[in-house]
Protein backbone atom coordinates (compact mmCIF):
# COMPACT_ATOMS: atom_id res chain seq x y z
CA MET A 1 -41.41 40.35 62.71
CA VAL A 2 -45.09 41.15 63.28
CA PRO A 3 -44.55 43.85 65.93
CA GLU A 4 -47.96 43.73 67.58
CA LEU A 5 -47.84 39.93 67.92
CA ARG A 6 -44.24 40.04 69.19
CA ARG A 7 -45.09 42.62 71.86
CA ALA A 8 -48.18 40.69 72.95
CA TYR A 9 -46.29 37.40 73.13
CA ASN A 10 -43.34 38.81 75.08
CA ALA A 11 -45.62 40.64 77.52
CA ALA A 12 -47.67 37.51 78.25
CA PHE A 13 -44.74 35.09 78.42
CA THR A 14 -44.02 33.28 81.70
CA GLU A 15 -41.28 30.84 82.61
CA GLU A 16 -43.93 28.62 84.18
CA ALA A 17 -45.76 28.27 80.86
CA TYR A 18 -42.50 27.55 79.04
CA ARG A 19 -41.42 24.87 81.51
CA ALA A 20 -44.90 23.33 81.35
CA MET A 21 -44.69 23.22 77.55
CA VAL A 22 -41.31 21.47 77.53
CA ALA A 23 -42.50 19.01 80.18
CA GLU A 24 -45.58 18.28 78.08
CA LEU A 25 -43.48 17.68 74.96
CA GLU A 26 -41.42 15.10 76.85
CA ARG A 27 -44.48 13.50 78.44
CA ASP A 28 -46.46 13.24 75.21
CA SER A 29 -43.51 11.92 73.20
CA GLY A 30 -42.30 9.67 76.01
CA VAL A 31 -38.72 10.81 75.36
CA ALA A 32 -36.32 13.25 77.02
CA ILE A 33 -35.49 16.03 74.54
CA ASP A 34 -31.75 16.41 74.00
CA PHE A 35 -31.81 19.82 72.29
CA ARG A 36 -32.97 23.23 73.43
CA ILE A 37 -36.55 24.34 72.76
CA SER A 38 -36.91 28.07 72.19
CA GLU A 39 -39.12 30.12 74.46
CA THR A 40 -40.91 31.50 71.42
CA PRO A 41 -42.20 30.67 67.97
CA ILE A 42 -41.72 33.23 65.22
CA PHE A 43 -44.50 35.12 63.44
CA LEU A 44 -44.09 35.60 59.70
CA PRO A 45 -45.87 38.46 57.96
CA ARG A 46 -47.69 37.25 54.87
CA GLU A 47 -45.25 38.91 52.46
CA LEU A 48 -42.24 37.18 54.01
CA ALA A 49 -44.04 33.82 54.22
CA ASP A 50 -44.79 34.14 50.51
CA GLU A 51 -41.18 35.00 49.66
CA LEU A 52 -39.87 32.06 51.69
CA GLN A 53 -42.11 29.78 49.66
CA ARG A 54 -40.93 31.32 46.38
CA ALA A 55 -37.29 30.88 47.42
CA ALA A 56 -37.83 27.28 48.49
CA TRP A 57 -39.56 26.33 45.25
CA GLU A 58 -36.89 28.07 43.16
CA ILE A 59 -34.12 26.11 44.91
CA PHE A 60 -36.16 22.90 44.64
CA ALA A 61 -36.50 23.46 40.89
CA ALA A 62 -32.76 24.08 40.49
CA VAL A 63 -31.74 20.75 42.07
CA THR A 64 -34.42 18.62 40.43
CA ASP A 65 -33.82 20.02 36.95
CA PRO A 66 -32.68 17.33 34.47
CA ALA A 67 -29.51 19.29 33.68
CA TYR A 68 -28.49 19.22 37.35
CA LEU A 69 -29.52 15.60 37.86
CA SER A 70 -27.38 14.50 34.92
CA ARG A 71 -24.36 15.68 36.92
CA ALA A 72 -25.52 14.68 40.39
CA GLU A 73 -24.39 11.04 40.19
CA ARG A 74 -20.85 12.42 40.55
CA ALA A 75 -21.74 13.51 44.07
CA ILE A 76 -21.89 9.91 45.32
CA PRO A 77 -18.48 8.86 46.69
CA ALA A 78 -16.89 5.76 45.22
CA GLY A 79 -18.31 2.62 46.75
CA ARG A 80 -21.28 4.42 48.36
CA ALA A 81 -23.95 4.03 45.66
CA VAL A 82 -26.95 2.01 46.84
CA PRO A 83 -29.02 -0.10 44.39
CA GLY A 84 -32.65 0.69 43.72
CA ASP A 85 -32.55 4.46 43.25
CA PRO A 86 -36.01 5.54 41.95
CA GLY A 87 -34.61 8.64 40.24
CA GLU A 88 -36.31 11.28 42.38
CA PRO A 89 -36.08 12.44 46.01
CA VAL A 90 -38.93 11.75 48.42
CA PHE A 91 -37.81 14.39 50.93
CA LEU A 92 -36.06 17.69 50.44
CA GLN A 93 -35.12 20.39 52.95
CA VAL A 94 -34.10 23.94 52.03
CA ASP A 95 -32.38 25.89 54.84
CA LEU A 96 -32.90 29.64 54.45
CA ALA A 97 -31.44 32.38 56.62
CA LEU A 98 -33.52 35.47 57.28
CA ALA A 99 -30.84 37.85 56.12
CA ARG A 100 -30.23 41.56 55.79
CA THR A 101 -29.86 42.68 52.17
CA ALA A 102 -27.67 45.56 51.01
CA GLU A 103 -30.83 47.67 50.89
CA GLY A 104 -31.61 46.85 54.52
CA GLU A 105 -34.55 44.57 53.75
CA ILE A 106 -35.18 41.14 55.30
CA ALA A 107 -34.99 38.36 52.70
CA PRO A 108 -34.33 34.59 52.56
CA ARG A 109 -30.85 33.41 51.61
CA LEU A 110 -29.85 29.78 51.03
CA ILE A 111 -27.50 28.26 53.62
CA GLU A 112 -27.74 24.52 52.94
CA LEU A 113 -30.07 21.89 51.56
CA GLN A 114 -30.53 18.14 51.80
CA ALA A 115 -32.67 15.40 50.27
CA PHE A 116 -32.94 13.64 53.59
CA PRO A 117 -35.77 13.53 56.14
CA SER A 118 -36.00 16.07 58.94
CA LEU A 119 -38.16 16.34 62.06
CA TYR A 120 -41.50 15.97 60.30
CA GLY A 121 -43.14 14.33 63.30
CA PHE A 122 -41.78 16.56 66.04
CA GLN A 123 -42.78 19.76 64.22
CA TRP A 124 -46.41 18.63 64.41
CA LEU A 125 -46.11 18.13 68.17
CA ILE A 126 -44.26 21.34 69.02
CA ALA A 127 -46.58 23.58 66.98
CA ARG A 128 -49.59 22.28 68.91
CA ALA A 129 -47.73 22.78 72.19
CA TYR A 130 -47.00 26.46 71.50
CA GLN A 131 -50.65 27.03 70.62
CA ARG A 132 -51.87 25.36 73.81
CA HIS A 133 -49.50 27.06 76.24
CA PHE A 134 -49.28 30.55 74.79
CA PRO A 135 -52.62 32.21 73.99
CA ALA A 136 -50.79 35.07 72.23
CA VAL A 137 -50.29 32.70 69.26
CA PRO A 138 -53.23 33.54 66.95
CA PRO A 139 -55.44 30.44 66.81
CA ASP A 140 -56.07 30.80 63.08
CA TRP A 141 -52.37 31.10 62.13
CA THR A 142 -50.70 27.94 60.83
CA PRO A 143 -47.24 26.36 60.59
CA TYR A 144 -48.25 24.39 57.46
CA PHE A 145 -48.20 25.06 53.71
CA SER A 146 -50.18 23.68 50.76
CA GLY A 147 -53.47 24.08 52.62
CA LEU A 148 -52.66 21.43 55.23
CA ASP A 149 -53.85 21.40 58.84
CA ASP A 150 -53.00 19.23 61.87
CA ASP A 151 -55.00 16.27 60.60
CA THR A 152 -54.27 16.41 56.87
CA TYR A 153 -50.56 16.91 57.58
CA VAL A 154 -50.48 13.60 59.47
CA GLU A 155 -52.44 11.94 56.67
CA CYS A 156 -49.88 13.24 54.19
CA LEU A 157 -46.96 11.84 56.21
CA ARG A 158 -48.70 8.47 56.56
CA ASP A 159 -49.37 8.32 52.83
CA VAL A 160 -45.76 9.22 51.93
CA ILE A 161 -43.98 7.01 54.46
CA VAL A 162 -46.30 4.03 54.98
CA GLY A 163 -48.09 4.03 51.64
CA GLY A 164 -50.07 0.83 51.16
CA ALA A 165 -47.90 -1.30 53.45
CA GLU A 166 -48.79 -2.61 56.88
CA PRO A 167 -47.38 -0.09 59.40
CA GLU A 168 -45.45 -2.76 61.34
CA GLN A 169 -43.61 -3.65 58.11
CA VAL A 170 -42.42 -0.05 57.73
CA VAL A 171 -39.30 0.83 59.72
CA LEU A 172 -37.63 4.09 60.61
CA LEU A 173 -34.05 2.91 60.15
CA GLU A 174 -31.33 4.54 62.24
CA VAL A 175 -28.00 3.73 63.88
CA GLU A 176 -28.37 3.40 67.67
CA PRO A 177 -31.66 5.34 67.62
CA ASP A 178 -31.89 5.64 71.41
CA LYS A 179 -28.63 7.64 71.40
CA GLN A 180 -29.65 10.12 68.69
CA LYS A 181 -30.55 13.71 69.57
CA THR A 182 -33.48 13.43 67.19
CA LYS A 183 -34.97 10.42 68.98
CA VAL A 184 -37.96 12.51 70.06
CA ASP A 185 -38.92 12.77 66.38
CA PHE A 186 -38.67 9.00 66.03
CA ALA A 187 -41.03 8.53 68.97
CA VAL A 188 -43.58 11.05 67.67
CA THR A 189 -43.47 9.54 64.18
CA GLU A 190 -44.15 6.10 65.63
CA GLN A 191 -47.18 7.47 67.46
CA LEU A 192 -48.53 9.36 64.47
CA ILE A 193 -48.27 6.75 61.72
CA GLY A 194 -47.60 3.43 63.44
CA LEU A 195 -44.21 2.46 62.01
CA ARG A 196 -41.38 0.91 64.06
CA THR A 197 -38.00 2.47 64.85
CA VAL A 198 -35.30 -0.15 64.26
CA ASP A 199 -31.55 -0.08 64.85
CA ALA A 200 -29.90 -0.83 61.49
CA ALA A 201 -27.37 -3.12 63.19
CA ARG A 202 -30.23 -5.38 64.33
CA VAL A 203 -31.68 -5.91 60.85
CA GLU A 204 -31.17 -9.44 59.51
CA ARG A 205 -31.01 -10.55 55.89
CA ARG A 206 -32.10 -13.75 54.15
CA GLY A 207 -31.80 -13.74 50.40
CA ARG A 208 -33.15 -10.39 49.28
CA GLY A 209 -35.38 -10.07 52.34
CA LEU A 210 -34.74 -7.89 55.41
CA PHE A 211 -36.20 -8.69 58.83
CA TYR A 212 -36.32 -7.31 62.36
CA ARG A 213 -37.46 -8.89 65.60
CA ASP A 214 -39.72 -7.51 68.30
CA SER A 215 -41.99 -8.95 70.99
CA ARG A 216 -44.18 -10.59 68.32
CA GLY A 217 -41.26 -12.37 66.69
CA GLU A 218 -39.74 -11.86 63.25
CA VAL A 219 -41.23 -9.22 60.94
CA GLU A 220 -40.34 -8.71 57.28
CA ILE A 221 -39.51 -5.15 56.27
CA ARG A 222 -41.37 -3.83 53.22
CA ARG A 223 -40.56 -0.07 53.38
CA ILE A 224 -37.58 1.77 54.90
CA TYR A 225 -37.91 5.36 56.13
CA ASN A 226 -34.18 5.92 56.02
CA ARG A 227 -32.54 8.08 58.72
CA VAL A 228 -29.06 6.51 58.56
CA ILE A 229 -26.25 9.03 57.94
CA PHE A 230 -23.27 7.42 56.25
CA ASP A 231 -20.52 9.46 57.88
CA GLU A 232 -21.80 8.29 61.28
CA VAL A 233 -21.73 4.67 60.10
CA GLU A 234 -18.15 5.11 58.91
CA ARG A 235 -17.10 6.97 62.06
CA LYS A 236 -18.45 4.17 64.26
CA GLY A 237 -17.07 1.38 62.08
CA ILE A 238 -20.43 -0.35 61.62
CA ASP A 239 -20.86 -2.79 58.73
CA LEU A 240 -24.29 -2.30 57.12
CA SER A 241 -23.39 -3.70 53.71
CA HIS A 242 -26.14 -6.32 54.01
CA ILE A 243 -28.66 -3.46 53.80
CA PHE A 244 -27.03 -0.77 51.67
CA ALA A 245 -24.69 -2.57 49.25
CA ARG A 246 -27.09 -5.12 47.71
CA ASP A 247 -30.51 -5.32 46.10
CA ILE A 248 -33.32 -5.79 48.61
CA ASP A 249 -37.01 -6.67 48.53
CA ALA A 250 -37.92 -3.51 50.44
CA GLU A 251 -38.75 -0.05 49.12
CA TRP A 252 -36.71 2.94 50.19
CA VAL A 253 -38.72 5.93 51.42
CA GLY A 254 -35.96 8.42 50.94
CA HIS A 255 -33.34 6.53 48.94
CA PRO A 256 -29.83 6.79 50.46
CA ASN A 257 -28.21 8.07 47.23
CA TRP A 258 -30.07 11.36 47.61
CA PHE A 259 -28.18 12.12 50.79
CA TYR A 260 -25.30 12.91 48.43
CA LYS A 261 -27.04 14.00 45.22
CA ILE A 262 -28.84 16.92 46.87
CA SER A 263 -26.58 18.23 49.60
CA LYS A 264 -23.89 20.83 50.16
CA TRP A 265 -22.40 19.38 46.95
CA SER A 266 -25.29 21.06 45.14
CA LEU A 267 -24.58 24.60 46.32
CA PRO A 268 -21.92 25.56 43.74
CA HIS A 269 -24.29 24.44 40.96
CA ILE A 270 -27.21 26.71 41.94
CA ARG A 271 -27.69 30.08 40.25
CA SER A 272 -30.34 32.10 42.05
CA PRO A 273 -30.63 35.50 43.73
CA TYR A 274 -31.51 33.52 46.85
CA CYS A 275 -28.20 31.60 46.75
CA PRO A 276 -24.96 33.34 47.86
CA PRO A 277 -21.84 32.72 45.71
CA CYS A 278 -20.34 29.29 46.43
CA HIS A 279 -17.39 27.37 44.96
CA PHE A 280 -15.68 24.03 45.36
CA VAL A 281 -12.25 24.79 46.82
CA SER A 282 -10.73 22.60 44.10
CA ASP A 283 -12.23 24.92 41.45
CA LEU A 284 -10.71 28.08 42.89
CA GLY A 285 -7.80 29.58 41.05
CA GLN A 286 -6.95 32.42 43.36
CA PRO A 287 -8.88 32.54 46.66
CA PRO A 288 -11.10 35.59 47.13
CA ALA A 289 -9.23 38.58 48.52
CA ASP A 290 -11.90 39.02 51.21
CA LEU A 291 -11.76 35.52 52.75
CA GLU A 292 -13.14 36.97 55.98
CA ASN A 293 -16.49 37.16 54.17
CA TYR A 294 -16.57 33.42 53.43
CA VAL A 295 -17.26 30.23 55.36
CA LEU A 296 -15.54 26.88 54.67
CA LYS A 297 -17.69 23.74 54.83
CA PRO A 298 -16.99 20.04 54.31
CA VAL A 299 -19.33 18.72 51.62
CA PHE A 300 -20.27 15.55 53.47
CA SER A 301 -20.94 16.36 57.09
CA PHE A 302 -23.98 16.85 59.27
CA ALA A 303 -25.14 19.19 62.06
CA GLY A 304 -22.41 21.78 61.50
CA LEU A 305 -19.48 19.40 61.95
CA GLY A 306 -16.24 20.72 60.48
CA VAL A 307 -17.50 24.17 59.51
CA GLU A 308 -14.83 26.92 59.61
CA VAL A 309 -16.13 30.48 60.00
CA ASP A 310 -12.67 32.07 60.22
CA VAL A 311 -11.13 31.16 56.86
CA THR A 312 -7.51 31.81 55.91
CA ALA A 313 -5.46 31.07 52.80
CA GLU A 314 -3.34 28.72 54.94
CA LYS A 315 -6.38 26.67 55.87
CA LEU A 316 -7.38 26.36 52.22
CA SER A 317 -3.94 25.29 51.05
CA ALA A 318 -3.71 22.70 53.86
CA LEU A 319 -6.84 20.82 52.73
CA LYS A 320 -5.94 17.29 51.61
CA ASP A 321 -9.10 16.85 49.51
CA PRO A 322 -10.20 20.31 48.31
CA GLU A 323 -12.83 18.77 46.03
CA HIS A 324 -14.72 17.77 49.20
CA TRP A 325 -14.89 21.33 50.56
CA ILE A 326 -16.92 24.36 49.54
CA LEU A 327 -16.24 28.05 50.11
CA GLN A 328 -19.52 29.91 50.55
CA ARG A 329 -19.99 33.64 50.93
CA LYS A 330 -21.22 34.44 54.42
CA VAL A 331 -24.77 35.56 54.92
CA GLU A 332 -25.54 38.37 57.34
CA TYR A 333 -28.32 36.99 59.49
CA ALA A 334 -30.67 39.73 60.57
CA PRO A 335 -31.48 39.90 64.31
CA VAL A 336 -35.20 39.95 63.65
CA VAL A 337 -36.78 38.47 66.80
CA GLU A 338 -36.99 40.78 69.79
CA THR A 339 -36.58 38.90 73.09
CA PRO A 340 -36.16 40.02 76.71
CA ASP A 341 -32.37 39.52 76.53
CA GLY A 342 -31.50 40.67 73.04
CA ARG A 343 -32.49 39.96 69.47
CA ALA A 344 -32.30 36.51 67.90
CA LYS A 345 -31.38 35.42 64.38
CA VAL A 346 -33.49 32.93 62.45
CA GLU A 347 -32.88 30.07 60.03
CA MET A 348 -35.85 28.31 58.48
CA ARG A 349 -35.87 24.81 57.04
CA MET A 350 -38.54 24.55 54.36
CA MET A 351 -39.70 20.93 54.26
CA PHE A 352 -40.87 19.14 51.11
CA VAL A 353 -42.23 15.66 50.51
CA ARG A 354 -43.09 13.86 47.28
CA GLN A 355 -46.65 12.56 47.49
CA ALA A 356 -48.15 10.48 44.67
CA GLY A 357 -45.23 11.55 42.47
CA GLU A 358 -45.72 15.28 43.04
CA PRO A 359 -43.56 17.54 45.25
CA ARG A 360 -45.35 19.31 48.07
CA LEU A 361 -44.12 21.96 50.50
CA VAL A 362 -45.67 20.91 53.80
CA ASN A 363 -44.01 22.48 56.84
CA SER A 364 -40.99 24.31 58.19
CA LEU A 365 -38.55 23.97 61.04
CA VAL A 366 -37.05 26.99 62.80
CA ARG A 367 -33.72 27.43 64.55
CA THR A 368 -32.97 30.65 66.40
CA SER A 369 -29.55 31.80 67.59
CA LYS A 370 -27.69 34.63 69.27
CA GLY A 371 -24.20 33.29 68.53
CA LYS A 372 -21.89 32.86 65.54
CA MET A 373 -23.41 29.52 64.56
CA MET A 374 -27.07 28.50 64.28
CA GLY A 375 -27.08 25.04 65.84
CA VAL A 376 -28.20 24.67 69.45
CA ASN A 377 -24.82 23.05 70.20
CA PHE A 378 -23.25 26.47 69.64
CA ASN A 379 -25.72 28.39 71.85
CA ARG A 380 -25.73 26.43 75.06
CA ASP A 381 -25.49 29.44 77.40
CA ARG A 382 -28.25 31.49 75.71
CA THR A 383 -31.99 31.79 76.25
CA TRP A 384 -34.81 32.42 73.79
CA ILE A 385 -32.93 30.38 71.19
CA GLY A 386 -33.17 26.82 69.88
CA ALA A 387 -35.73 24.71 68.03
CA SER A 388 -38.98 26.43 67.19
CA VAL A 389 -41.90 26.88 64.79
CA ALA A 390 -42.95 29.57 62.32
CA PHE A 391 -46.61 30.60 62.26
CA HIS A 392 -48.04 32.60 59.38
CA PRO A 393 -51.50 33.81 58.33
CA PRO A 394 -53.74 31.15 56.76
């Protein structure tokens, strides 16, 4: 999107440098990466970087407005509410497509959002790797927002996640973490801020206290950086009621209720030029006549599971729980990144944290695609797609 930088990067690119970068990411994290790394970062012109920030903040404001929050409790399914909700999200992600407008311009359009952590640690590692292995990345360009740099970004994460606790008493809580595709982020986060990654099934409870065991013995948990996704817990039939269903003497860093309260459930409630029309299926009288221009999504799913891009009236009428599905107008992703084997589409995840009670936009995560869907699972036979980073002028 910055033509001179794109041409310079593509001309200087070598497969050897790319393979060396991926090998370095795995060596430095100590973990095999289970998703595809793109051959390229993207370069945002200042005007587009500014508009992405405006869009992200506008969406953030819409879903943290008191009028929205007064309704958001209804998003939590029966029996899923967790005690101890502090009343505000610690993390929030806004997924924006780089889309083609009717006037032919490139502009951000909301795809999804979540008040759940993302790959905050891994994005630090991969940005540094691109800069080391590809000299065409301008050394003064940055992936960060809010005036952060490599060092202050890590300090921000440590302050948000660890706070004043001892790092060994702060756990990144996940289900079977060694089997998760995002395990590389867990490993990098451990290295950066000193917490421990703990399998939720191995957490023990005594009274209101939670404990885990490692080589030093039993350790009490004081803060929980929550990465547990409830639909995975239900799908695997794991009982975690001793953690999630009762009051505990540990502080949630990213309270579980926000997984529901700010999610795809939020999309029909947002009114913004950055947000395409979206409706709960249960609220539809007559389906739109142009269903081919809509996508059907389950409200509570993760990583693209259950999404239908070819919607029909028959599929809508067959839904057993239409209140748990949304119909969202499709966004025309613009093929904005020129690569040696065709142009790639871009989706950017704008990543917020709440630090000392104040929201802060800190980083972004990029996914590039050449297929119908954005996730790397749907682009397995393509190159110059996958997980990446967006650099922009300081």
